[in-house]
């Protein structure tokens, strides 16, 4: 029986090594990008896509969708919310398939959004959101800048961050229960955020200010937005303790604090989106 199990395991490893691959990961302003192939209507487009756990669904820029991908079959107007509490008018369709790091996913739900109009020169053509990420498990090697599919959680994962199930959680969002500056809070894990951000009423004092660029799918890019800065705030999530900077807007802002991938920049970690978990390998 043990010999049979070993043989089956070897066959599985061979098959997966031939079928699955890896893709280069690019880090820019704490955002993660990788190349994906978008296939629809017999046409294939390779684009640099942003990996965004703060986006519940995949999004494609409206101009790119119409002019380059020649997408015509969209389903009516539909409002989609964002974490600023604003509704964004959009339409959606099902992409024939999307390939990422050697894995092909058929029938991908995509929302058509004016990304360039809002984010301007910083806009990606495509955003890989939670609805697709939960269809697999992903290893992010931030040291060698690689992304690859993962069949199982590595045995040498030393820290596990499990999402807490909040009844009012947005679709496909990952929330950790933790502490920031010693205060217990819900923390949104948002790989689509350039900065870690507190809410306007979070009970910590700023120790500096900073001018930032600001934009999202509901708000056009603006410059020189002056916000508070909290330097080296202690963060606790599960057994992981670290220090990072947070911005704190004077008005507006998000409903909950959010944290990006900055605390993972020198690590290898696995995203198990289906179970809302992050597994971190602190050492090999």
Protein backbone atom coordinates (compact mmCIF):
# COMPACT_ATOMS: atom_id res chain seq x y z
CA UNK A 1 0.00 0.00 0.00
CA UNK A 2 2.81 2.44 0.89
CA UNK A 3 4.56 1.63 -2.41
CA UNK A 4 1.33 2.39 -4.31
CA UNK A 5 0.95 5.71 -2.53
CA UNK A 6 4.54 6.62 -3.35
CA UNK A 7 4.03 5.73 -7.02
CA UNK A 8 0.85 7.82 -7.22
CA UNK A 9 2.62 10.75 -5.57
CA UNK A 10 5.47 10.56 -8.09
CA UNK A 11 3.00 10.44 -11.00
CA UNK A 12 1.22 13.48 -9.57
CA UNK A 13 4.47 15.41 -9.24
CA UNK A 14 5.46 14.62 -12.81
CA UNK A 15 2.08 15.63 -14.18
CA UNK A 16 1.94 18.87 -12.22
CA UNK A 17 5.52 19.82 -13.06
CA UNK A 18 4.73 19.41 -16.75
CA UNK A 19 1.37 21.16 -16.57
CA UNK A 20 2.03 23.97 -14.14
CA UNK A 21 4.64 26.63 -14.50
CA UNK A 22 5.68 29.86 -12.94
CA UNK A 23 5.57 33.46 -13.98
CA UNK A 24 7.71 36.47 -13.28
CA UNK A 25 6.37 38.69 -10.51
CA UNK A 26 6.96 42.42 -10.74
CA UNK A 27 6.70 44.62 -7.67
CA UNK A 28 6.01 48.32 -8.22
CA UNK A 29 4.96 50.63 -5.39
CA UNK A 30 4.04 47.59 -3.25
CA UNK A 31 1.75 46.31 -6.03
CA UNK A 32 2.19 42.88 -7.66
CA UNK A 33 2.01 42.38 -11.42
CA UNK A 34 2.37 39.32 -13.63
CA UNK A 35 1.67 38.50 -17.28
CA UNK A 36 -1.59 36.76 -18.11
CA UNK A 37 -3.11 35.57 -21.39
CA UNK A 38 -6.68 36.69 -22.04
CA UNK A 39 -8.49 34.52 -24.58
CA UNK A 40 -11.82 35.49 -26.07
CA UNK A 41 -13.49 34.98 -29.43
CA UNK A 42 -10.38 33.31 -30.86
CA UNK A 43 -8.11 36.22 -29.93
CA UNK A 44 -5.35 36.01 -27.31
CA UNK A 45 -3.84 39.04 -25.60
CA UNK A 46 -0.87 38.93 -23.24
CA UNK A 47 -1.12 41.72 -20.70
CA UNK A 48 0.50 42.75 -17.45
CA UNK A 49 -2.17 42.25 -14.79
CA UNK A 50 -2.30 43.49 -11.22
CA UNK A 51 -3.06 40.91 -8.51
CA UNK A 52 -5.55 42.53 -6.18
CA UNK A 53 -7.06 40.83 -3.13
CA UNK A 54 -8.91 44.08 -2.45
CA UNK A 55 -10.95 43.53 -5.62
CA UNK A 56 -13.78 41.01 -5.29
CA UNK A 57 -13.83 40.33 -9.04
CA UNK A 58 -11.62 40.58 -12.10
CA UNK A 59 -11.71 43.89 -13.95
CA UNK A 60 -10.70 44.92 -17.44
CA UNK A 61 -10.17 48.46 -18.66
CA UNK A 62 -13.12 49.50 -20.84
CA UNK A 63 -11.03 51.04 -23.64
CA UNK A 64 -8.74 48.00 -23.83
CA UNK A 65 -11.74 45.65 -23.76
CA UNK A 66 -13.46 47.38 -26.69
CA UNK A 67 -10.57 48.59 -28.86
CA UNK A 68 -8.08 45.74 -28.41
CA UNK A 69 -10.08 42.71 -27.27
CA UNK A 70 -13.18 43.64 -29.33
CA UNK A 71 -15.50 42.63 -26.50
CA UNK A 72 -19.09 43.23 -27.58
CA UNK A 73 -21.25 40.87 -25.52
CA UNK A 74 -21.59 42.66 -22.19
CA UNK A 75 -24.52 42.40 -19.84
CA UNK A 76 -26.17 45.73 -19.10
CA UNK A 77 -25.32 48.33 -16.52
CA UNK A 78 -24.53 47.06 -13.08
CA UNK A 79 -23.39 48.90 -9.98
CA UNK A 80 -20.42 47.57 -8.08
CA UNK A 81 -19.41 48.87 -4.68
CA UNK A 82 -15.93 49.79 -3.56
CA UNK A 83 -14.37 50.16 -0.16
CA UNK A 84 -14.88 53.91 -0.11
CA UNK A 85 -18.60 53.23 0.05
CA UNK A 86 -19.26 54.53 -3.46
CA UNK A 87 -21.07 52.68 -6.25
CA UNK A 88 -19.38 52.40 -9.63
CA UNK A 89 -21.38 51.88 -12.83
CA UNK A 90 -20.09 48.95 -14.81
CA UNK A 91 -21.02 46.09 -17.10
CA UNK A 92 -19.73 42.54 -17.13
CA UNK A 93 -19.12 39.53 -19.35
CA UNK A 94 -17.51 36.10 -19.16
CA UNK A 95 -14.05 35.90 -20.70
CA UNK A 96 -13.53 32.61 -22.57
CA UNK A 97 -10.41 31.87 -20.53
CA UNK A 98 -7.51 33.36 -18.63
CA UNK A 99 -4.06 31.74 -18.31
CA UNK A 100 -1.71 32.60 -15.47
CA UNK A 101 1.56 30.85 -14.59
CA UNK A 102 0.72 27.90 -16.82
CA UNK A 103 -2.81 27.38 -15.49
CA UNK A 104 -5.81 28.05 -17.72
CA UNK A 105 -9.12 29.04 -16.14
CA UNK A 106 -12.22 28.93 -18.38
CA UNK A 107 -15.18 31.29 -18.21
CA UNK A 108 -13.78 34.13 -16.10
CA UNK A 109 -16.24 36.69 -14.74
CA UNK A 110 -14.97 40.17 -15.68
CA UNK A 111 -16.29 43.64 -14.97
CA UNK A 112 -15.66 46.34 -17.58
CA UNK A 113 -14.47 49.48 -15.77
CA UNK A 114 -12.94 52.78 -16.89
CA UNK A 115 -9.61 52.09 -15.20
CA UNK A 116 -7.59 54.48 -17.37
CA UNK A 117 -10.08 57.28 -16.85
CA UNK A 118 -9.72 57.02 -13.07
CA UNK A 119 -6.17 55.74 -12.51
CA UNK A 120 -4.72 57.36 -15.65
CA UNK A 121 -1.07 56.44 -16.34
CA UNK A 122 -1.02 54.08 -13.36
CA UNK A 123 -3.95 51.99 -14.60
CA UNK A 124 -3.45 48.30 -15.35
CA UNK A 125 -5.26 46.85 -18.33
CA UNK A 126 -6.47 43.95 -16.22
CA UNK A 127 -6.95 43.25 -12.52
CA UNK A 128 -6.94 39.67 -11.21
CA UNK A 129 -9.44 39.71 -8.35
CA UNK A 130 -10.66 37.38 -5.65
CA UNK A 131 -13.24 35.58 -7.78
CA UNK A 132 -10.43 34.05 -9.87
CA UNK A 133 -7.79 33.79 -7.15
CA UNK A 134 -10.04 31.53 -5.08
CA UNK A 135 -10.02 28.96 -7.90
CA UNK A 136 -6.46 27.94 -7.01
CA UNK A 137 -3.71 28.14 -4.41
CA UNK A 138 -0.73 30.40 -5.16
CA UNK A 139 2.88 30.61 -4.02
CA UNK A 140 4.40 34.10 -4.07
CA UNK A 141 8.19 34.07 -3.94
CA UNK A 142 8.95 37.69 -3.14
CA UNK A 143 12.69 36.94 -2.95
CA UNK A 144 13.08 35.58 -6.49
CA UNK A 145 10.04 37.48 -7.82
CA UNK A 146 8.03 34.45 -8.95
CA UNK A 147 4.39 33.41 -8.78
CA UNK A 148 3.44 29.76 -9.21
CA UNK A 149 0.44 27.50 -8.58
CA UNK A 150 0.63 25.41 -5.44
CA UNK A 151 -1.00 22.00 -4.95
CA UNK A 152 -0.82 22.03 -1.14
CA UNK A 153 0.36 24.10 1.78
CA UNK A 154 4.14 23.60 2.19
CA UNK A 155 5.20 21.64 5.28
CA UNK A 156 7.69 24.36 6.20
CA UNK A 157 5.08 27.12 6.54
CA UNK A 158 5.90 28.59 9.94
CA UNK A 159 3.17 31.23 10.31
CA UNK A 160 -0.48 30.91 9.34
CA UNK A 161 -2.79 33.88 8.98
CA UNK A 162 -6.44 32.81 8.89
CA UNK A 163 -9.17 35.21 7.87
CA UNK A 164 -11.93 35.79 10.38
CA UNK A 165 -15.44 35.26 9.07
CA UNK A 166 -17.29 38.54 9.55
CA UNK A 167 -20.98 38.45 8.68
CA UNK A 168 -20.77 41.82 6.92
CA UNK A 169 -17.59 41.03 4.99
CA UNK A 170 -17.51 42.12 1.35
CA UNK A 171 -17.50 39.36 -1.26
CA UNK A 172 -14.12 37.62 -1.62
CA UNK A 173 -12.36 39.92 0.84
CA UNK A 174 -9.82 38.62 3.34
CA UNK A 175 -9.99 40.14 6.81
CA UNK A 176 -7.52 39.33 9.57
CA UNK A 177 -8.22 39.89 13.23
CA UNK A 178 -5.24 41.61 14.79
CA UNK A 179 -3.85 44.63 16.55
CA UNK A 180 -2.44 47.89 15.21
CA UNK A 181 -0.69 50.12 17.71
CA UNK A 182 -2.03 47.89 20.47
CA UNK A 183 -5.67 48.30 19.41
CA UNK A 184 -7.70 45.26 18.36
CA UNK A 185 -9.19 45.67 14.91
CA UNK A 186 -10.30 44.06 11.70
CA UNK A 187 -7.60 44.37 9.00
CA UNK A 188 -8.29 44.03 5.27
CA UNK A 189 -5.52 42.24 3.36
CA UNK A 190 -5.33 44.32 0.18
CA UNK A 191 -2.57 43.59 -2.34
CA UNK A 192 -4.01 46.37 -4.51
CA UNK A 193 -3.10 49.08 -1.98
CA UNK A 194 0.07 51.09 -2.48
CA UNK A 195 0.12 52.08 1.20
CA UNK A 196 -1.09 50.68 4.48
CA UNK A 197 -3.99 52.81 5.64
CA UNK A 198 -5.89 53.46 8.85
CA UNK A 199 -9.43 54.76 9.17
CA UNK A 200 -9.91 58.46 9.96
CA UNK A 201 -11.10 57.68 13.48
CA UNK A 202 -8.53 55.01 14.37
CA UNK A 203 -7.24 55.67 17.88
CA UNK A 204 -3.57 56.36 17.19
CA UNK A 205 -1.84 59.69 16.75
CA UNK A 206 0.06 60.65 13.62
CA UNK A 207 3.68 61.74 13.96
CA UNK A 208 4.12 63.28 10.52
CA UNK A 209 2.27 64.22 7.34
CA UNK A 210 2.87 63.25 3.73
CA UNK A 211 1.55 64.32 0.30
CA UNK A 212 0.33 61.37 -1.75
CA UNK A 213 -1.25 60.52 -5.09
CA UNK A 214 -4.72 59.11 -4.63
CA UNK A 215 -7.16 57.27 -6.92
CA UNK A 216 -9.49 54.29 -7.08
CA UNK A 217 -12.12 52.96 -9.47
CA UNK A 218 -14.60 55.52 -8.14
CA UNK A 219 -12.28 58.51 -7.81
CA UNK A 220 -10.07 60.10 -10.45
CA UNK A 221 -6.34 60.45 -9.76
CA UNK A 222 -5.41 63.52 -7.73
CA UNK A 223 -2.03 64.75 -6.51
CA UNK A 224 -0.67 66.39 -3.37
CA UNK A 225 -3.28 64.99 -1.02
CA UNK A 226 -1.99 65.77 2.46
CA UNK A 227 -2.59 62.93 4.94
CA UNK A 228 -1.31 61.97 8.36
CA UNK A 229 1.54 59.49 8.66
CA UNK A 230 2.03 56.99 11.48
CA UNK A 231 5.58 55.67 11.32
CA UNK A 232 6.61 52.20 12.51
CA UNK A 233 3.33 51.17 14.06
CA UNK A 234 3.42 47.70 15.67
CA UNK A 235 1.12 45.16 14.03
CA UNK A 236 0.10 41.77 15.41
CA UNK A 237 -1.67 39.16 13.32
CA UNK A 238 -1.70 35.64 14.70
CA UNK A 239 1.90 34.89 15.78
CA UNK A 240 3.39 37.44 13.39
CA UNK A 241 4.63 40.74 14.84
CA UNK A 242 6.07 43.49 12.65
CA UNK A 243 6.32 47.27 12.23
CA UNK A 244 5.10 49.22 9.19
CA UNK A 245 4.04 52.76 8.29
CA UNK A 246 0.38 53.70 7.88
CA UNK A 247 -1.25 56.74 6.38
CA UNK A 248 -4.29 58.24 8.10
CA UNK A 249 -6.61 60.41 5.98
CA UNK A 250 -8.27 63.42 7.55
CA UNK A 251 -11.61 62.66 5.93
CA UNK A 252 -13.26 60.02 3.80
CA UNK A 253 -11.03 56.95 3.72
CA UNK A 254 -11.86 53.30 4.12
CA UNK A 255 -14.23 51.53 6.45
CA UNK A 256 -11.49 49.33 7.99
CA UNK A 257 -7.70 49.51 8.23
CA UNK A 258 -5.93 47.80 5.37
CA UNK A 259 -2.51 46.31 4.92
CA UNK A 260 -0.68 45.60 1.68
CA UNK A 261 2.18 43.20 0.85
CA UNK A 262 4.91 45.39 2.35
CA UNK A 263 5.28 43.09 5.37
CA UNK A 264 5.77 40.12 3.00
CA UNK A 265 8.39 41.66 0.70
CA UNK A 266 11.31 39.48 1.82
CA UNK A 267 9.35 36.25 2.22
CA UNK A 268 7.79 33.30 0.43
CA UNK A 269 4.11 32.87 1.14
CA UNK A 270 1.10 30.92 -0.06
CA UNK A 271 -2.32 32.41 -0.67
CA UNK A 272 -5.13 29.92 -0.13
CA UNK A 273 -7.92 32.21 -1.17
CA UNK A 274 -10.65 29.60 -0.98
CA UNK A 275 -10.00 29.22 2.75
CA UNK A 276 -9.02 32.88 3.21
CA UNK A 277 -5.59 31.97 4.56
CA UNK A 278 -1.98 33.09 4.09
CA UNK A 279 0.90 30.74 4.92
CA UNK A 280 4.33 32.29 5.41
CA UNK A 281 7.68 30.55 5.10
CA UNK A 282 10.02 32.53 7.35
CA UNK A 283 12.94 30.20 6.55
CA UNK A 284 13.57 27.39 4.03
